[in-house]
Amino acid sequence: MIGNKRHRLTSIIGSDLLRYDKLPLLLLISVLISAILVITTTYQTRRLTAEREQIGLEQNLLDIEWRNLILEENTLGGHSGIEHIATEQLKMQYVDQSKEHIVVQP
């Protein structure tokens, strides 16, 4: 005769897995762990790739700014060279405000 006692399907499957089939349970757990590790590794790889691209863009901007600053430095340095030639070779000097005369035409 079949008893009137009701059993839950999940408890029956769980007890059977623990009692008889330990290898498939171990394989299931190892597959789940490896899947989680693959997902984590893929996420980290994509994040690091995006970060590397961002750093590359920042590097390009900084290189452009550096070139512009070198051009500006050379341009400003050229003016000081002209000033040096004017004061040393041509004996030019700045005019004092007391000696300065402003001519206004009507």
C-alpha atoms as a PDB file:
ATOM      1  CA  MET A   1       0.000   0.000   0.000  1.00  0.00           C
ATOM      2  CA  ILE A   2       1.035   3.544  -0.685  1.00  0.00           C
ATOM      3  CA  GLY A   3       1.176   5.770   2.337  1.00  0.00           C
ATOM      4  CA  ASN A   4      -0.735   9.002   2.648  1.00  0.00           C
ATOM      5  CA  LYS A   5       2.426  10.934   3.495  1.00  0.00           C
ATOM      6  CA  ARG A   6       3.247  13.692   0.965  1.00  0.00           C
ATOM      7  CA  HIS A   7       6.825  14.394   0.005  1.00  0.00           C
ATOM      8  CA  ARG A   8       8.149  17.537  -1.593  1.00  0.00           C
ATOM      9  CA  LEU A   9       9.847  16.982  -4.927  1.00  0.00           C
ATOM     10  CA  THR A  10      12.751  19.296  -4.134  1.00  0.00           C
ATOM     11  CA  SER A  11      13.547  17.481  -0.909  1.00  0.00           C
ATOM     12  CA  ILE A  12      13.464  14.105  -2.693  1.00  0.00           C
ATOM     13  CA  ILE A  13      15.799  15.325  -5.458  1.00  0.00           C
ATOM     14  CA  GLY A  14      18.132  16.962  -2.945  1.00  0.00           C
ATOM     15  CA  SER A  15      18.360  13.856  -0.763  1.00  0.00           C
ATOM     16  CA  ASP A  16      18.951  11.639  -3.820  1.00  0.00           C
ATOM     17  CA  LEU A  17      21.713  13.902  -5.091  1.00  0.00           C
ATOM     18  CA  LEU A  18      23.440  13.950  -1.733  1.00  0.00           C
ATOM     19  CA  ARG A  19      22.977  10.238  -1.141  1.00  0.00           C
ATOM     20  CA  TYR A  20      23.762   8.676  -4.534  1.00  0.00           C
ATOM     21  CA  ASP A  21      25.010  11.098  -7.192  1.00  0.00           C
ATOM     22  CA  LYS A  22      27.810  13.165  -5.744  1.00  0.00           C
ATOM     23  CA  LEU A  23      29.829  13.431  -8.961  1.00  0.00           C
ATOM     24  CA  PRO A  24      27.086  15.166 -11.013  1.00  0.00           C
ATOM     25  CA  LEU A  25      26.486  17.555  -8.105  1.00  0.00           C
ATOM     26  CA  LEU A  26      30.196  18.337  -7.934  1.00  0.00           C
ATOM     27  CA  LEU A  27      30.299  18.886 -11.696  1.00  0.00           C
ATOM     28  CA  LEU A  28      27.249  21.172 -11.532  1.00  0.00           C
ATOM     29  CA  ILE A  29      28.854  23.284  -8.818  1.00  0.00           C
ATOM     30  CA  SER A  30      32.148  23.489 -10.741  1.00  0.00           C
ATOM     31  CA  VAL A  31      30.332  24.538 -13.945  1.00  0.00           C
ATOM     32  CA  LEU A  32      28.455  27.271 -12.071  1.00  0.00           C
ATOM     33  CA  ILE A  33      31.647  28.550 -10.447  1.00  0.00           C
ATOM     34  CA  SER A  34      33.520  28.596 -13.764  1.00  0.00           C
ATOM     35  CA  ALA A  35      30.597  30.441 -15.430  1.00  0.00           C
ATOM     36  CA  ILE A  36      30.659  33.092 -12.719  1.00  0.00           C
ATOM     37  CA  LEU A  37      34.429  33.451 -13.107  1.00  0.00           C
ATOM     38  CA  VAL A  38      34.116  33.814 -16.895  1.00  0.00           C
ATOM     39  CA  ILE A  39      31.478  36.527 -16.487  1.00  0.00           C
ATOM     40  CA  THR A  40      33.625  38.373 -13.937  1.00  0.00           C
ATOM     41  CA  THR A  41      36.731  38.163 -16.117  1.00  0.00           C
ATOM     42  CA  THR A  42      34.848  39.398 -19.184  1.00  0.00           C
ATOM     43  CA  TYR A  43      33.440  42.349 -17.247  1.00  0.00           C
ATOM     44  CA  GLN A  44      36.857  43.329 -15.898  1.00  0.00           C
ATOM     45  CA  THR A  45      38.432  43.012 -19.353  1.00  0.00           C
ATOM     46  CA  ARG A  46      35.812  45.277 -20.928  1.00  0.00           C
ATOM     47  CA  ARG A  47      36.149  47.803 -18.102  1.00  0.00           C
ATOM     48  CA  LEU A  48      39.938  47.889 -18.403  1.00  0.00           C
ATOM     49  CA  THR A  49      39.742  48.201 -22.195  1.00  0.00           C
ATOM     50  CA  ALA A  50      37.398  51.185 -21.897  1.00  0.00           C
ATOM     51  CA  GLU A  51      39.680  52.747 -19.276  1.00  0.00           C
ATOM     52  CA  ARG A  52      42.720  52.250 -21.537  1.00  0.00           C
ATOM     53  CA  GLU A  53      40.933  53.965 -24.422  1.00  0.00           C
ATOM     54  CA  GLN A  54      39.981  56.865 -22.150  1.00  0.00           C
ATOM     55  CA  ILE A  55      43.585  57.218 -21.002  1.00  0.00           C
ATOM     56  CA  GLY A  56      44.727  57.134 -24.645  1.00  0.00           C
ATOM     57  CA  LEU A  57      42.343  59.997 -25.481  1.00  0.00           C
ATOM     58  CA  GLU A  58      43.609  61.998 -22.499  1.00  0.00           C
ATOM     59  CA  GLN A  59      47.187  61.331 -23.595  1.00  0.00           C
ATOM     60  CA  ASN A  60      46.430  62.641 -27.091  1.00  0.00           C
ATOM     61  CA  LEU A  61      44.889  65.810 -25.640  1.00  0.00           C
ATOM     62  CA  LEU A  62      47.874  66.339 -23.368  1.00  0.00           C
ATOM     63  CA  ASP A  63      50.275  65.817 -26.303  1.00  0.00           C
ATOM     64  CA  ILE A  64      48.423  68.438 -28.333  1.00  0.00           C
ATOM     65  CA  GLU A  65      48.481  70.863 -25.393  1.00  0.00           C
ATOM     66  CA  TRP A  66      52.197  70.216 -24.879  1.00  0.00           C
ATOM     67  CA  ARG A  67      52.947  70.951 -28.552  1.00  0.00           C
ATOM     68  CA  ASN A  68      50.930  74.170 -28.348  1.00  0.00           C
ATOM     69  CA  LEU A  69      52.830  75.226 -25.228  1.00  0.00           C
ATOM     70  CA  ILE A  70      56.164  74.568 -26.951  1.00  0.00           C
ATOM     71  CA  LEU A  71      55.053  76.675 -29.918  1.00  0.00           C
ATOM     72  CA  GLU A  72      53.942  79.440 -27.564  1.00  0.00           C
ATOM     73  CA  GLU A  73      57.242  79.283 -25.676  1.00  0.00           C
ATOM     74  CA  ASN A  74      59.217  79.514 -28.925  1.00  0.00           C
ATOM     75  CA  THR A  75      57.085  82.428 -30.088  1.00  0.00           C
ATOM     76  CA  LEU A  76      57.512  84.306 -26.828  1.00  0.00           C
ATOM     77  CA  GLY A  77      61.209  83.469 -26.765  1.00  0.00           C
ATOM     78  CA  GLY A  78      61.561  85.018 -30.223  1.00  0.00           C
ATOM     79  CA  HIS A  79      60.249  88.337 -28.913  1.00  0.00           C
ATOM     80  CA  SER A  80      62.782  88.371 -26.111  1.00  0.00           C
ATOM     81  CA  GLY A  81      65.509  87.715 -28.687  1.00  0.00           C
ATOM     82  CA  ILE A  82      64.345  90.744 -30.675  1.00  0.00           C
ATOM     83  CA  GLU A  83      64.300  92.808 -27.496  1.00  0.00           C
ATOM     84  CA  HIS A  84      67.836  91.679 -26.689  1.00  0.00           C
ATOM     85  CA  ILE A  85      69.060  92.701 -30.171  1.00  0.00           C
ATOM     86  CA  ALA A  86      67.313  96.082 -29.868  1.00  0.00           C
ATOM     87  CA  THR A  87      68.865  96.899 -26.501  1.00  0.00           C
ATOM     88  CA  GLU A  88      72.371  95.513 -27.130  1.00  0.00           C
ATOM     89  CA  GLN A  89      73.127  96.180 -30.791  1.00  0.00           C
ATOM     90  CA  LEU A  90      70.905  99.176 -31.532  1.00  0.00           C
ATOM     91  CA  LYS A  91      71.218 100.707 -28.045  1.00  0.00           C
ATOM     92  CA  MET A  92      67.465 101.237 -27.813  1.00  0.00           C
ATOM     93  CA  GLN A  93      65.761 101.733 -24.470  1.00  0.00           C
ATOM     94  CA  TYR A  94      62.314 102.294 -23.037  1.00  0.00           C
ATOM     95  CA  VAL A  95      61.000 105.871 -22.933  1.00  0.00           C
ATOM     96  CA  ASP A  96      60.294 107.378 -19.507  1.00  0.00           C
ATOM     97  CA  GLN A  97      56.766 108.704 -19.032  1.00  0.00           C
ATOM     98  CA  SER A  98      58.184 112.088 -18.032  1.00  0.00           C
ATOM     99  CA  LYS A  99      59.985 112.415 -21.393  1.00  0.00           C
ATOM    100  CA  GLU A 100      57.077 111.112 -23.409  1.00  0.00           C
ATOM    101  CA  HIS A 101      55.166 113.632 -25.568  1.00  0.00           C
ATOM    102  CA  ILE A 102      51.816 112.797 -27.115  1.00  0.00           C
ATOM    103  CA  VAL A 103      50.882 114.632 -30.302  1.00  0.00           C
ATOM    104  CA  VAL A 104      47.184 114.952 -31.038  1.00  0.00           C
ATOM    105  CA  GLN A 105      46.084 115.989 -34.509  1.00  0.00           C
ATOM    106  CA  PRO A 106      42.886 118.001 -34.851  1.00  0.00           C
END
